[in-house]
PDB file of N, CA and C in Angstrom:
ATOM      1  N   MET A   1     120.234  75.128 103.082  1.00  0.00           N
ATOM      2  CA  MET A   1     119.519  76.578 103.047  1.00  0.00           C
ATOM      3  C   MET A   1     118.494  76.845 102.477  1.00  0.00           C
ATOM      4  N   LYS A   2     117.547  77.026 102.979  1.00  0.00           N
ATOM      5  CA  LYS A   2     116.225  77.157 101.979  1.00  0.00           C
ATOM      6  C   LYS A   2     115.607  78.730 102.696  1.00  0.00           C
ATOM      7  N   SER A   3     115.130  79.268 100.949  1.00  0.00           N
ATOM      8  CA  SER A   3     114.643  80.286 101.046  1.00  0.00           C
ATOM      9  C   SER A   3     112.697  80.367 100.580  1.00  0.00           C
ATOM     10  N   ILE A   4     112.061  80.947 101.545  1.00  0.00           N
ATOM     11  CA  ILE A   4     110.283  80.871 100.700  1.00  0.00           C
ATOM     12  C   ILE A   4     110.329  82.262 100.679  1.00  0.00           C
ATOM     13  N   PHE A   5     110.029  82.406  99.516  1.00  0.00           N
ATOM     14  CA  PHE A   5     109.989  83.952  98.276  1.00  0.00           C
ATOM     15  C   PHE A   5     108.320  83.980  98.679  1.00  0.00           C
ATOM     16  N   GLU A   6     107.085  83.222  98.602  1.00  0.00           N
ATOM     17  CA  GLU A   6     106.040  83.080  98.868  1.00  0.00           C
ATOM     18  C   GLU A   6     105.089  82.135  99.126  1.00  0.00           C
ATOM     19  N   VAL A   7     104.182  82.441 100.144  1.00  0.00           N
ATOM     20  CA  VAL A   7     103.226  81.500 100.636  1.00  0.00           C
ATOM     21  C   VAL A   7     101.566  82.306 100.363  1.00  0.00           C
ATOM     22  N   GLY A   8     100.866  81.531  99.942  1.00  0.00           N
ATOM     23  CA  GLY A   8      99.406  82.061  99.512  1.00  0.00           C
ATOM     24  C   GLY A   8     100.179  82.783  98.304  1.00  0.00           C
ATOM     25  N   ASN A   9      99.476  84.122  98.867  1.00  0.00           N
ATOM     26  CA  ASN A   9      99.551  85.569  97.830  1.00  0.00           C
ATOM     27  C   ASN A   9     100.663  86.420  98.841  1.00  0.00           C
ATOM     28  N   LEU A  10     100.732  85.759 100.193  1.00  0.00           N
ATOM     29  CA  LEU A  10     102.400  86.520 100.637  1.00  0.00           C
ATOM     30  C   LEU A  10     103.381  86.526  99.496  1.00  0.00           C
ATOM     31  N   LYS A  11     103.864  87.696  99.156  1.00  0.00           N
ATOM     32  CA  LYS A  11     104.995  87.141  98.226  1.00  0.00           C
ATOM     33  C   LYS A  11     106.231  88.406  99.127  1.00  0.00           C
ATOM     34  N   SER A  12     107.889  87.857  98.644  1.00  0.00           N
ATOM     35  CA  SER A  12     108.443  89.186  98.504  1.00  0.00           C
ATOM     36  C   SER A  12     108.860  89.679  97.901  1.00  0.00           C
ATOM     37  N   ASN A  13     108.541  91.501  97.818  1.00  0.00           N
ATOM     38  CA  ASN A  13     108.518  92.048  97.202  1.00  0.00           C
ATOM     39  C   ASN A  13     109.826  93.197  96.706  1.00  0.00           C
ATOM     40  N   GLY A  14     110.847  92.616  97.457  1.00  0.00           N
ATOM     41  CA  GLY A  14     112.297  93.160  97.229  1.00  0.00           C
ATOM     42  C   GLY A  14     113.302  92.226  97.245  1.00  0.00           C
ATOM     43  N   HIS A  15     114.662  92.831  97.587  1.00  0.00           N
ATOM     44  CA  HIS A  15     115.546  91.623  97.537  1.00  0.00           C
ATOM     45  C   HIS A  15     116.005  90.896  98.882  1.00  0.00           C
ATOM     46  N   TYR A  16     114.696  90.278  98.886  1.00  0.00           N
ATOM     47  CA  TYR A  16     114.804  89.112 100.498  1.00  0.00           C
ATOM     48  C   TYR A  16     113.661  87.792 100.180  1.00  0.00           C
ATOM     49  N   ALA A  17     113.972  87.363 101.071  1.00  0.00           N
ATOM     50  CA  ALA A  17     112.845  85.905 101.150  1.00  0.00           C
ATOM     51  C   ALA A  17     111.640  86.361 102.632  1.00  0.00           C
ATOM     52  N   LEU A  18     110.926  85.779 102.342  1.00  0.00           N
ATOM     53  CA  LEU A  18     109.561  85.887 103.541  1.00  0.00           C
ATOM     54  C   LEU A  18     110.467  85.014 104.523  1.00  0.00           C
ATOM     55  N   ALA A  19     111.116  83.905 104.238  1.00  0.00           N
ATOM     56  CA  ALA A  19     111.884  83.621 105.255  1.00  0.00           C
ATOM     57  C   ALA A  19     112.761  82.756 104.779  1.00  0.00           C
ATOM     58  N   THR A  20     113.887  82.226 105.739  1.00  0.00           N
ATOM     59  CA  THR A  20     114.985  81.308 105.693  1.00  0.00           C
ATOM     60  C   THR A  20     114.993  80.081 106.712  1.00  0.00           C
ATOM     61  N   VAL A  21     115.089  79.411 105.951  1.00  0.00           N
ATOM     62  CA  VAL A  21     115.369  77.999 106.913  1.00  0.00           C
ATOM     63  C   VAL A  21     116.498  77.275 107.008  1.00  0.00           C
ATOM     64  N   HIS A  22     117.109  77.540 108.242  1.00  0.00           N
ATOM     65  CA  HIS A  22     118.340  76.631 107.941  1.00  0.00           C
ATOM     66  C   HIS A  22     118.684  76.179 109.515  1.00  0.00           C
ATOM     67  N   GLN A  23     118.955  74.836 109.261  1.00  0.00           N
ATOM     68  CA  GLN A  23     119.086  74.021 110.411  1.00  0.00           C
ATOM     69  C   GLN A  23     118.233  73.769 111.377  1.00  0.00           C
ATOM     70  N   ASN A  24     117.156  73.810 110.677  1.00  0.00           N
ATOM     71  CA  ASN A  24     115.720  73.567 111.896  1.00  0.00           C
ATOM     72  C   ASN A  24     115.487  74.907 112.451  1.00  0.00           C
ATOM     73  N   THR A  25     115.609  76.204 111.742  1.00  0.00           N
ATOM     74  CA  THR A  25     115.520  77.137 112.577  1.00  0.00           C
ATOM     75  C   THR A  25     114.768  78.043 110.995  1.00  0.00           C
ATOM     76  N   VAL A  26     113.498  78.794 111.868  1.00  0.00           N
ATOM     77  CA  VAL A  26     113.029  79.518 110.819  1.00  0.00           C
ATOM     78  C   VAL A  26     113.745  81.088 111.078  1.00  0.00           C
ATOM     79  N   TYR A  27     113.911  81.961 110.023  1.00  0.00           N
ATOM     80  CA  TYR A  27     113.702  83.218 110.103  1.00  0.00           C
ATOM     81  C   TYR A  27     113.141  84.037 109.218  1.00  0.00           C
ATOM     82  N   VAL A  28     111.767  85.019 110.074  1.00  0.00           N
ATOM     83  CA  VAL A  28     110.900  85.303 109.211  1.00  0.00           C
ATOM     84  C   VAL A  28     111.353  86.906 109.169  1.00  0.00           C
ATOM     85  N   SER A  29     111.081  87.447 107.793  1.00  0.00           N
ATOM     86  CA  SER A  29     111.483  88.868 107.471  1.00  0.00           C
ATOM     87  C   SER A  29     110.393  89.374 108.129  1.00  0.00           C
ATOM     88  N   GLY A  30     110.838  90.703 108.527  1.00  0.00           N
ATOM     89  CA  GLY A  30     109.242  91.774 108.774  1.00  0.00           C
ATOM     90  C   GLY A  30     108.441  91.521 108.002  1.00  0.00           C
ATOM     91  N   GLN A  31     107.189  91.891 108.821  1.00  0.00           N
ATOM     92  CA  GLN A  31     106.193  91.688 108.087  1.00  0.00           C
ATOM     93  C   GLN A  31     105.183  92.729 108.146  1.00  0.00           C
ATOM     94  N   PHE A  32     104.168  92.962 107.897  1.00  0.00           N
ATOM     95  CA  PHE A  32     103.255  94.099 107.975  1.00  0.00           C
ATOM     96  C   PHE A  32     102.108  93.123 107.805  1.00  0.00           C
ATOM     97  N   ALA A  33     100.805  94.163 107.768  1.00  0.00           N
ATOM     98  CA  ALA A  33      99.577  93.786 107.712  1.00  0.00           C
ATOM     99  C   ALA A  33      98.841  93.884 106.399  1.00  0.00           C
ATOM    100  N   ILE A  34      99.708  93.025 105.480  1.00  0.00           N
ATOM    101  CA  ILE A  34      98.877  92.413 104.060  1.00  0.00           C
ATOM    102  C   ILE A  34      97.831  91.156 104.369  1.00  0.00           C
ATOM    103  N   ASN A  35      96.956  91.476 103.419  1.00  0.00           N
ATOM    104  CA  ASN A  35      95.686  90.655 103.509  1.00  0.00           C
ATOM    105  C   ASN A  35      96.207  89.443 102.306  1.00  0.00           C
ATOM    106  N   PRO A  36      96.692  88.255 103.528  1.00  0.00           N
ATOM    107  CA  PRO A  36      97.417  86.854 102.659  1.00  0.00           C
ATOM    108  C   PRO A  36      96.796  86.547 101.279  1.00  0.00           C
ATOM    109  N   GLU A  37      95.368  87.425 101.147  1.00  0.00           N
ATOM    110  CA  GLU A  37      94.577  86.386 100.226  1.00  0.00           C
ATOM    111  C   GLU A  37      94.419  87.522  99.101  1.00  0.00           C
ATOM    112  N   THR A  38      94.368  88.455  99.476  1.00  0.00           N
ATOM    113  CA  THR A  38      94.436  89.539  98.169  1.00  0.00           C
ATOM    114  C   THR A  38      95.546  90.351  97.788  1.00  0.00           C
ATOM    115  N   SER A  39      96.810  90.272  98.995  1.00  0.00           N
ATOM    116  CA  SER A  39      97.893  90.989  98.583  1.00  0.00           C
ATOM    117  C   SER A  39      97.832  92.461  99.259  1.00  0.00           C
ATOM    118  N   GLU A  40      96.721  92.747  99.079  1.00  0.00           N
ATOM    119  CA  GLU A  40      96.476  93.853  99.629  1.00  0.00           C
ATOM    120  C   GLU A  40      97.268  94.715 101.384  1.00  0.00           C
ATOM    121  N   LYS A  41      97.497  95.655 100.940  1.00  0.00           N
ATOM    122  CA  LYS A  41      97.769  96.778 102.268  1.00  0.00           C
ATOM    123  C   LYS A  41      96.392  96.950 103.188  1.00  0.00           C
ATOM    124  N   GLU A  42      96.280  96.227 104.329  1.00  0.00           N
ATOM    125  CA  GLU A  42      95.217  96.236 105.484  1.00  0.00           C
ATOM    126  C   GLU A  42      95.833  97.698 106.354  1.00  0.00           C
ATOM    127  N   PHE A  43      95.219  98.795 105.961  1.00  0.00           N
ATOM    128  CA  PHE A  43      95.436  99.798 106.679  1.00  0.00           C
ATOM    129  C   PHE A  43      94.606  99.615 108.180  1.00  0.00           C
ATOM    130  N   GLY A  44      94.737  99.903 109.150  1.00  0.00           N
ATOM    131  CA  GLY A  44      93.598  99.868 110.144  1.00  0.00           C
ATOM    132  C   GLY A  44      94.344 100.565 111.602  1.00  0.00           C
ATOM    133  N   THR A  45      93.572 100.147 112.648  1.00  0.00           N
ATOM    134  CA  THR A  45      93.953 100.501 114.231  1.00  0.00           C
ATOM    135  C   THR A  45      95.368  99.222 114.129  1.00  0.00           C
ATOM    136  N   ILE A  46      96.178 100.019 115.126  1.00  0.00           N
ATOM    137  CA  ILE A  46      97.246  99.316 115.628  1.00  0.00           C
ATOM    138  C   ILE A  46      97.018  97.979 116.007  1.00  0.00           C
ATOM    139  N   GLU A  47      95.516  97.759 116.206  1.00  0.00           N
ATOM    140  CA  GLU A  47      95.556  96.121 116.836  1.00  0.00           C
ATOM    141  C   GLU A  47      95.210  95.396 115.616  1.00  0.00           C
ATOM    142  N   GLU A  48      94.039  96.116 115.018  1.00  0.00           N
ATOM    143  CA  GLU A  48      94.076  95.198 113.610  1.00  0.00           C
ATOM    144  C   GLU A  48      95.398  94.699 112.817  1.00  0.00           C
ATOM    145  N   GLU A  49      96.377  95.962 112.634  1.00  0.00           N
ATOM    146  CA  GLU A  49      97.421  95.614 112.139  1.00  0.00           C
ATOM    147  C   GLU A  49      98.407  94.577 112.631  1.00  0.00           C
ATOM    148  N   THR A  50      98.437  94.844 113.846  1.00  0.00           N
ATOM    149  CA  THR A  50      99.126  94.062 114.751  1.00  0.00           C
ATOM    150  C   THR A  50      98.959  92.530 114.992  1.00  0.00           C
ATOM    151  N   LEU A  51      97.447  92.520 114.396  1.00  0.00           N
ATOM    152  CA  LEU A  51      96.882  90.697 114.325  1.00  0.00           C
ATOM    153  C   LEU A  51      96.998  90.032 113.090  1.00  0.00           C
ATOM    154  N   GLN A  52      97.106  91.397 112.207  1.00  0.00           N
ATOM    155  CA  GLN A  52      97.384  90.633 110.510  1.00  0.00           C
ATOM    156  C   GLN A  52      98.680  90.434 110.442  1.00  0.00           C
ATOM    157  N   ALA A  53      99.694  90.812 111.275  1.00  0.00           N
ATOM    158  CA  ALA A  53     101.208  90.875 110.758  1.00  0.00           C
ATOM    159  C   ALA A  53     101.601  89.891 111.657  1.00  0.00           C
ATOM    160  N   LEU A  54     100.895  89.269 112.790  1.00  0.00           N
ATOM    161  CA  LEU A  54     100.926  88.051 113.861  1.00  0.00           C
ATOM    162  C   LEU A  54     100.330  86.760 112.792  1.00  0.00           C
ATOM    163  N   LYS A  55      99.263  86.853 112.200  1.00  0.00           N
ATOM    164  CA  LYS A  55      98.809  85.902 111.523  1.00  0.00           C
ATOM    165  C   LYS A  55      99.507  85.482 110.246  1.00  0.00           C
ATOM    166  N   ASN A  56      99.946  86.538 109.577  1.00  0.00           N
ATOM    167  CA  ASN A  56     101.332  86.262 108.411  1.00  0.00           C
ATOM    168  C   ASN A  56     102.259  85.842 108.575  1.00  0.00           C
ATOM    169  N   ILE A  57     102.574  86.014 110.066  1.00  0.00           N
ATOM    170  CA  ILE A  57     103.908  85.238 110.555  1.00  0.00           C
ATOM    171  C   ILE A  57     103.532  83.821 110.751  1.00  0.00           C
ATOM    172  N   GLU A  58     102.406  83.230 111.367  1.00  0.00           N
ATOM    173  CA  GLU A  58     101.986  82.569 111.455  1.00  0.00           C
ATOM    174  C   GLU A  58     101.828  81.281 110.516  1.00  0.00           C
ATOM    175  N   MET A  59     101.509  81.988 109.172  1.00  0.00           N
ATOM    176  CA  MET A  59     101.116  81.386 107.804  1.00  0.00           C
ATOM    177  C   MET A  59     102.413  81.100 107.119  1.00  0.00           C
ATOM    178  N   ILE A  60     103.760  81.670 107.723  1.00  0.00           N
ATOM    179  CA  ILE A  60     105.221  81.651 106.801  1.00  0.00           C
ATOM    180  C   ILE A  60     105.807  80.578 107.766  1.00  0.00           C
ATOM    181  N   ILE A  61     105.518  80.847 108.914  1.00  0.00           N
ATOM    182  CA  ILE A  61     106.300  79.352 109.859  1.00  0.00           C
ATOM    183  C   ILE A  61     105.502  78.002 109.795  1.00  0.00           C
ATOM    184  N   GLU A  62     104.364  78.119 109.498  1.00  0.00           N
ATOM    185  CA  GLU A  62     103.691  76.839 109.217  1.00  0.00           C
ATOM    186  C   GLU A  62     104.023  76.543 107.769  1.00  0.00           C
ATOM    187  N   ALA A  63     104.239  77.355 106.999  1.00  0.00           N
ATOM    188  CA  ALA A  63     104.532  77.031 105.642  1.00  0.00           C
ATOM    189  C   ALA A  63     106.034  76.151 105.708  1.00  0.00           C
ATOM    190  N   ALA A  64     106.870  76.947 106.637  1.00  0.00           N
ATOM    191  CA  ALA A  64     108.186  76.400 106.527  1.00  0.00           C
ATOM    192  C   ALA A  64     108.402  75.096 107.668  1.00  0.00           C
ATOM    193  N   GLY A  65     107.399  74.593 107.860  1.00  0.00           N
ATOM    194  CA  GLY A  65     106.938  73.322 108.972  1.00  0.00           C
ATOM    195  C   GLY A  65     107.207  73.450 110.319  1.00  0.00           C
ATOM    196  N   SER A  66     107.067  75.000 110.655  1.00  0.00           N
ATOM    197  CA  SER A  66     106.736  74.949 112.270  1.00  0.00           C
ATOM    198  C   SER A  66     105.502  75.373 113.044  1.00  0.00           C
ATOM    199  N   LYS A  67     105.322  75.972 114.045  1.00  0.00           N
ATOM    200  CA  LYS A  67     104.325  76.510 114.295  1.00  0.00           C
ATOM    201  C   LYS A  67     104.311  77.922 115.406  1.00  0.00           C
ATOM    202  N   LYS A  68     103.466  78.442 115.574  1.00  0.00           N
ATOM    203  CA  LYS A  68     103.366  79.545 116.731  1.00  0.00           C
ATOM    204  C   LYS A  68     104.049  79.057 117.986  1.00  0.00           C
ATOM    205  N   GLU A  69     103.568  78.229 118.400  1.00  0.00           N
ATOM    206  CA  GLU A  69     104.603  77.803 119.722  1.00  0.00           C
ATOM    207  C   GLU A  69     105.456  77.455 119.615  1.00  0.00           C
ATOM    208  N   GLN A  70     106.179  77.323 118.418  1.00  0.00           N
ATOM    209  CA  GLN A  70     108.012  77.310 118.311  1.00  0.00           C
ATOM    210  C   GLN A  70     108.363  78.603 118.381  1.00  0.00           C
ATOM    211  N   ILE A  71     107.897  79.491 118.049  1.00  0.00           N
ATOM    212  CA  ILE A  71     108.286  81.175 117.850  1.00  0.00           C
ATOM    213  C   ILE A  71     109.110  81.302 119.097  1.00  0.00           C
ATOM    214  N   LEU A  72     110.433  81.520 118.766  1.00  0.00           N
ATOM    215  CA  LEU A  72     111.305  82.123 119.610  1.00  0.00           C
ATOM    216  C   LEU A  72     111.603  83.220 120.371  1.00  0.00           C
ATOM    217  N   ARG A  73     112.080  84.155 118.662  1.00  0.00           N
ATOM    218  CA  ARG A  73     111.733  85.550 119.204  1.00  0.00           C
ATOM    219  C   ARG A  73     111.304  86.217 118.463  1.00  0.00           C
ATOM    220  N   MET A  74     110.880  87.717 119.039  1.00  0.00           N
ATOM    221  CA  MET A  74     109.981  88.437 117.708  1.00  0.00           C
ATOM    222  C   MET A  74     110.320  89.594 118.164  1.00  0.00           C
ATOM    223  N   THR A  75     110.803  90.488 117.321  1.00  0.00           N
ATOM    224  CA  THR A  75     111.072  91.917 117.200  1.00  0.00           C
ATOM    225  C   THR A  75     109.700  92.494 116.660  1.00  0.00           C
ATOM    226  N   LEU A  76     109.244  93.779 117.470  1.00  0.00           N
ATOM    227  CA  LEU A  76     108.005  94.536 116.802  1.00  0.00           C
ATOM    228  C   LEU A  76     108.718  96.044 116.634  1.00  0.00           C
ATOM    229  N   TYR A  77     108.016  96.716 115.443  1.00  0.00           N
ATOM    230  CA  TYR A  77     108.598  98.040 115.207  1.00  0.00           C
ATOM    231  C   TYR A  77     107.479  98.589 115.522  1.00  0.00           C
ATOM    232  N   ILE A  78     107.320  99.649 115.928  1.00  0.00           N
ATOM    233  CA  ILE A  78     106.248 100.506 116.191  1.00  0.00           C
ATOM    234  C   ILE A  78     106.582 102.027 116.037  1.00  0.00           C
ATOM    235  N   PRO A  79     105.815 103.115 115.503  1.00  0.00           N
ATOM    236  CA  PRO A  79     106.510 104.661 114.719  1.00  0.00           C
ATOM    237  C   PRO A  79     106.175 105.022 116.604  1.00  0.00           C
ATOM    238  N   ASP A  80     105.519 105.156 117.578  1.00  0.00           N
ATOM    239  CA  ASP A  80     105.501 105.725 118.748  1.00  0.00           C
ATOM    240  C   ASP A  80     105.362 104.198 120.081  1.00  0.00           C
ATOM    241  N   VAL A  81     106.061 104.853 120.936  1.00  0.00           N
ATOM    242  CA  VAL A  81     105.906 104.124 122.405  1.00  0.00           C
ATOM    243  C   VAL A  81     104.486 104.280 122.327  1.00  0.00           C
ATOM    244  N   GLU A  82     103.921 104.916 122.560  1.00  0.00           N
ATOM    245  CA  GLU A  82     102.590 104.931 123.133  1.00  0.00           C
ATOM    246  C   GLU A  82     101.370 104.024 122.452  1.00  0.00           C
ATOM    247  N   LEU A  83     101.691 103.124 121.502  1.00  0.00           N
ATOM    248  CA  LEU A  83     100.875 101.988 121.372  1.00  0.00           C
ATOM    249  C   LEU A  83     101.426 100.975 121.736  1.00  0.00           C
ATOM    250  N   TRP A  84     102.418 100.863 122.497  1.00  0.00           N
ATOM    251  CA  TRP A  84     102.895  99.172 123.189  1.00  0.00           C
ATOM    252  C   TRP A  84     102.371  98.628 123.954  1.00  0.00           C
ATOM    253  N   ASP A  85     101.273  99.782 124.606  1.00  0.00           N
ATOM    254  CA  ASP A  85     100.008  98.693 125.471  1.00  0.00           C
ATOM    255  C   ASP A  85      99.154  98.144 124.347  1.00  0.00           C
ATOM    256  N   LYS A  86      98.648  98.768 123.414  1.00  0.00           N
ATOM    257  CA  LYS A  86      97.441  98.132 122.494  1.00  0.00           C
ATOM    258  C   LYS A  86      98.186  97.391 121.599  1.00  0.00           C
ATOM    259  N   VAL A  87      99.707  97.028 121.425  1.00  0.00           N
ATOM    260  CA  VAL A  87      99.839  96.065 120.812  1.00  0.00           C
ATOM    261  C   VAL A  87     100.121  94.813 121.966  1.00  0.00           C
ATOM    262  N   ASP A  88     100.963  94.903 122.912  1.00  0.00           N
ATOM    263  CA  ASP A  88     100.875  93.769 123.903  1.00  0.00           C
ATOM    264  C   ASP A  88      99.692  93.129 124.012  1.00  0.00           C
ATOM    265  N   ALA A  89      98.620  93.960 123.962  1.00  0.00           N
ATOM    266  CA  ALA A  89      97.506  93.217 124.449  1.00  0.00           C
ATOM    267  C   ALA A  89      96.734  92.060 123.260  1.00  0.00           C
ATOM    268  N   VAL A  90      97.418  92.539 122.273  1.00  0.00           N
ATOM    269  CA  VAL A  90      97.034  91.531 120.986  1.00  0.00           C
ATOM    270  C   VAL A  90      97.592  91.027 120.928  1.00  0.00           C
ATOM    271  N   TYR A  91      99.079  90.948 121.277  1.00  0.00           N
ATOM    272  CA  TYR A  91     100.117  89.675 121.416  1.00  0.00           C
ATOM    273  C   TYR A  91      99.876  88.923 122.068  1.00  0.00           C
ATOM    274  N   LYS A  92      99.563  89.258 123.807  1.00  0.00           N
ATOM    275  CA  LYS A  92      99.008  88.396 124.457  1.00  0.00           C
ATOM    276  C   LYS A  92      97.920  87.350 124.278  1.00  0.00           C
ATOM    277  N   GLU A  93      97.048  87.856 123.557  1.00  0.00           N
ATOM    278  CA  GLU A  93      95.794  87.210 123.091  1.00  0.00           C
ATOM    279  C   GLU A  93      95.865  86.270 121.772  1.00  0.00           C
ATOM    280  N   PHE A  94      97.065  86.716 121.354  1.00  0.00           N
ATOM    281  CA  PHE A  94      97.202  86.067 120.203  1.00  0.00           C
ATOM    282  C   PHE A  94      98.161  84.725 120.342  1.00  0.00           C
ATOM    283  N   PHE A  95      98.988  84.966 121.563  1.00  0.00           N
ATOM    284  CA  PHE A  95      99.970  83.398 122.075  1.00  0.00           C
ATOM    285  C   PHE A  95      99.343  83.349 123.024  1.00  0.00           C
ATOM    286  N   GLY A  96      98.458  83.527 123.993  1.00  0.00           N
ATOM    287  CA  GLY A  96      98.119  82.866 125.219  1.00  0.00           C
ATOM    288  C   GLY A  96      99.021  82.742 126.045  1.00  0.00           C
ATOM    289  N   ASP A  97      99.617  81.189 126.482  1.00  0.00           N
ATOM    290  CA  ASP A  97     100.598  81.013 127.439  1.00  0.00           C
ATOM    291  C   ASP A  97     101.461  81.333 127.147  1.00  0.00           C
ATOM    292  N   HIS A  98     102.018  81.090 125.638  1.00  0.00           N
ATOM    293  CA  HIS A  98     103.502  80.860 125.093  1.00  0.00           C
ATOM    294  C   HIS A  98     103.801  82.443 125.044  1.00  0.00           C
ATOM    295  N   LYS A  99     105.358  82.387 125.484  1.00  0.00           N
ATOM    296  CA  LYS A  99     105.872  83.609 125.670  1.00  0.00           C
ATOM    297  C   LYS A  99     107.308  83.781 124.799  1.00  0.00           C
ATOM    298  N   PRO A 100     107.636  83.865 123.471  1.00  0.00           N
ATOM    299  CA  PRO A 100     108.829  84.005 123.136  1.00  0.00           C
ATOM    300  C   PRO A 100     109.192  85.024 123.322  1.00  0.00           C
ATOM    301  N   ALA A 101     110.402  85.272 123.265  1.00  0.00           N
ATOM    302  CA  ALA A 101     111.300  86.464 123.757  1.00  0.00           C
ATOM    303  C   ALA A 101     111.298  87.383 122.820  1.00  0.00           C
ATOM    304  N   ARG A 102     111.093  88.955 123.388  1.00  0.00           N
ATOM    305  CA  ARG A 102     110.340  89.661 122.652  1.00  0.00           C
ATOM    306  C   ARG A 102     111.098  91.371 122.843  1.00  0.00           C
ATOM    307  N   THR A 103     111.194  92.011 121.279  1.00  0.00           N
ATOM    308  CA  THR A 103     111.607  93.317 121.779  1.00  0.00           C
ATOM    309  C   THR A 103     110.678  94.290 120.680  1.00  0.00           C
ATOM    310  N   VAL A 104     110.298  95.361 121.570  1.00  0.00           N
ATOM    311  CA  VAL A 104     109.837  96.201 120.826  1.00  0.00           C
ATOM    312  C   VAL A 104     110.819  97.853 120.553  1.00  0.00           C
ATOM    313  N   VAL A 105     110.688  97.969 119.615  1.00  0.00           N
ATOM    314  CA  VAL A 105     111.375  99.107 119.076  1.00  0.00           C
ATOM    315  C   VAL A 105     110.598 100.379 118.544  1.00  0.00           C
ATOM    316  N   PRO A 106     110.398 101.475 119.624  1.00  0.00           N
ATOM    317  CA  PRO A 106     109.368 102.288 118.707  1.00  0.00           C
ATOM    318  C   PRO A 106     110.843 102.913 118.082  1.00  0.00           C
ATOM    319  N   THR A 107     110.207 103.354 116.672  1.00  0.00           N
ATOM    320  CA  THR A 107     111.034 103.535 115.460  1.00  0.00           C
ATOM    321  C   THR A 107     110.727 105.240 115.019  1.00  0.00           C
ATOM    322  N   ASN A 108     110.684 105.504 113.715  1.00  0.00           N
ATOM    323  CA  ASN A 108     110.468 106.629 113.576  1.00  0.00           C
ATOM    324  C   ASN A 108     109.131 106.311 112.476  1.00  0.00           C
ATOM    325  N   LYS A 109     108.557 106.845 111.080  1.00  0.00           N
ATOM    326  CA  LYS A 109     107.954 105.928 110.505  1.00  0.00           C
ATOM    327  C   LYS A 109     108.056 104.812 109.921  1.00  0.00           C
ATOM    328  N   LEU A 110     107.126 104.049 109.621  1.00  0.00           N
ATOM    329  CA  LEU A 110     107.524 102.596 109.028  1.00  0.00           C
ATOM    330  C   LEU A 110     106.960 102.590 107.762  1.00  0.00           C
ATOM    331  N   HIS A 111     107.320 101.763 107.165  1.00  0.00           N
ATOM    332  CA  HIS A 111     107.519 101.549 105.070  1.00  0.00           C
ATOM    333  C   HIS A 111     105.487 102.058 104.879  1.00  0.00           C
ATOM    334  N   PHE A 112     105.823 102.292 103.827  1.00  0.00           N
ATOM    335  CA  PHE A 112     103.953 102.226 103.460  1.00  0.00           C
ATOM    336  C   PHE A 112     103.340 103.212 104.328  1.00  0.00           C
ATOM    337  N   GLY A 113     103.913 103.557 105.493  1.00  0.00           N
ATOM    338  CA  GLY A 113     102.875 104.097 106.265  1.00  0.00           C
ATOM    339  C   GLY A 113     102.262 103.054 107.417  1.00  0.00           C
ATOM    340  N   PHE A 114     102.698 102.157 107.273  1.00  0.00           N
ATOM    341  CA  PHE A 114     101.818 100.828 108.050  1.00  0.00           C
ATOM    342  C   PHE A 114     102.505 101.169 109.466  1.00  0.00           C
ATOM    343  N   LYS A 115     101.692 100.749 110.865  1.00  0.00           N
ATOM    344  CA  LYS A 115     101.621 101.046 112.324  1.00  0.00           C
ATOM    345  C   LYS A 115     102.940 100.268 112.964  1.00  0.00           C
ATOM    346  N   ILE A 116     103.019  98.993 112.333  1.00  0.00           N
ATOM    347  CA  ILE A 116     103.670  97.809 112.540  1.00  0.00           C
ATOM    348  C   ILE A 116     104.359  96.999 111.988  1.00  0.00           C
ATOM    349  N   GLU A 117     105.749  96.236 112.528  1.00  0.00           N
ATOM    350  CA  GLU A 117     105.895  95.513 111.401  1.00  0.00           C
ATOM    351  C   GLU A 117     106.700  94.437 112.420  1.00  0.00           C
ATOM    352  N   ILE A 118     106.943  93.560 112.367  1.00  0.00           N
ATOM    353  CA  ILE A 118     107.329  92.526 112.994  1.00  0.00           C
ATOM    354  C   ILE A 118     108.228  91.227 112.166  1.00  0.00           C
ATOM    355  N   ASP A 119     109.040  90.981 112.654  1.00  0.00           N
ATOM    356  CA  ASP A 119     110.016  89.473 112.258  1.00  0.00           C
ATOM    357  C   ASP A 119     109.800  88.953 113.323  1.00  0.00           C
ATOM    358  N   ALA A 120     110.455  87.539 113.102  1.00  0.00           N
ATOM    359  CA  ALA A 120     110.313  86.173 113.524  1.00  0.00           C
ATOM    360  C   ALA A 120     111.287  85.367 113.735  1.00  0.00           C
ATOM    361  N   ILE A 121     111.668  84.388 114.446  1.00  0.00           N
ATOM    362  CA  ILE A 121     112.460  83.291 114.590  1.00  0.00           C
ATOM    363  C   ILE A 121     111.980  82.029 115.376  1.00  0.00           C
ATOM    364  N   ALA A 122     111.869  81.154 114.747  1.00  0.00           N
ATOM    365  CA  ALA A 122     111.029  79.964 115.345  1.00  0.00           C
ATOM    366  C   ALA A 122     112.013  78.630 114.812  1.00  0.00           C
ATOM    367  N   TYR A 123     111.954  77.265 115.589  1.00  0.00           N
ATOM    368  CA  TYR A 123     112.494  76.382 115.409  1.00  0.00           C
ATOM    369  C   TYR A 123     111.233  75.427 114.763  1.00  0.00           C
ATOM    370  N   ILE A 124     112.234  74.249 114.430  1.00  0.00           N
ATOM    371  CA  ILE A 124     111.275  73.496 113.336  1.00  0.00           C
ATOM    372  C   ILE A 124     111.575  71.983 114.498  1.00  0.00           C
TER     373      ILE A 124
END
């Protein structure tokens, strides 16, 4: 097992790894819209936050030796089910023809006030 705690300026800020690699599978912890160059929180529209969180996941899985076309499963947490269509549009554009298994979970407020948190599982 290998733990990844930092990719560029993305870092785990608690008692967790950004990703854990085990037997050629990458498990990515929930990601927010954090600017990977400055480590700053990037609050914006749900579309902007979704795209940044997806790009952060892509960076992390690439550091682990995978790529977005090898993502098997994703879980997306949003504070309001009314955001689902906007999130789905960004997700569809980001992935194109690739369609990982996915769950969208409407929840209450997310940490720091973000509009979305996304975790992922990919293979290497």
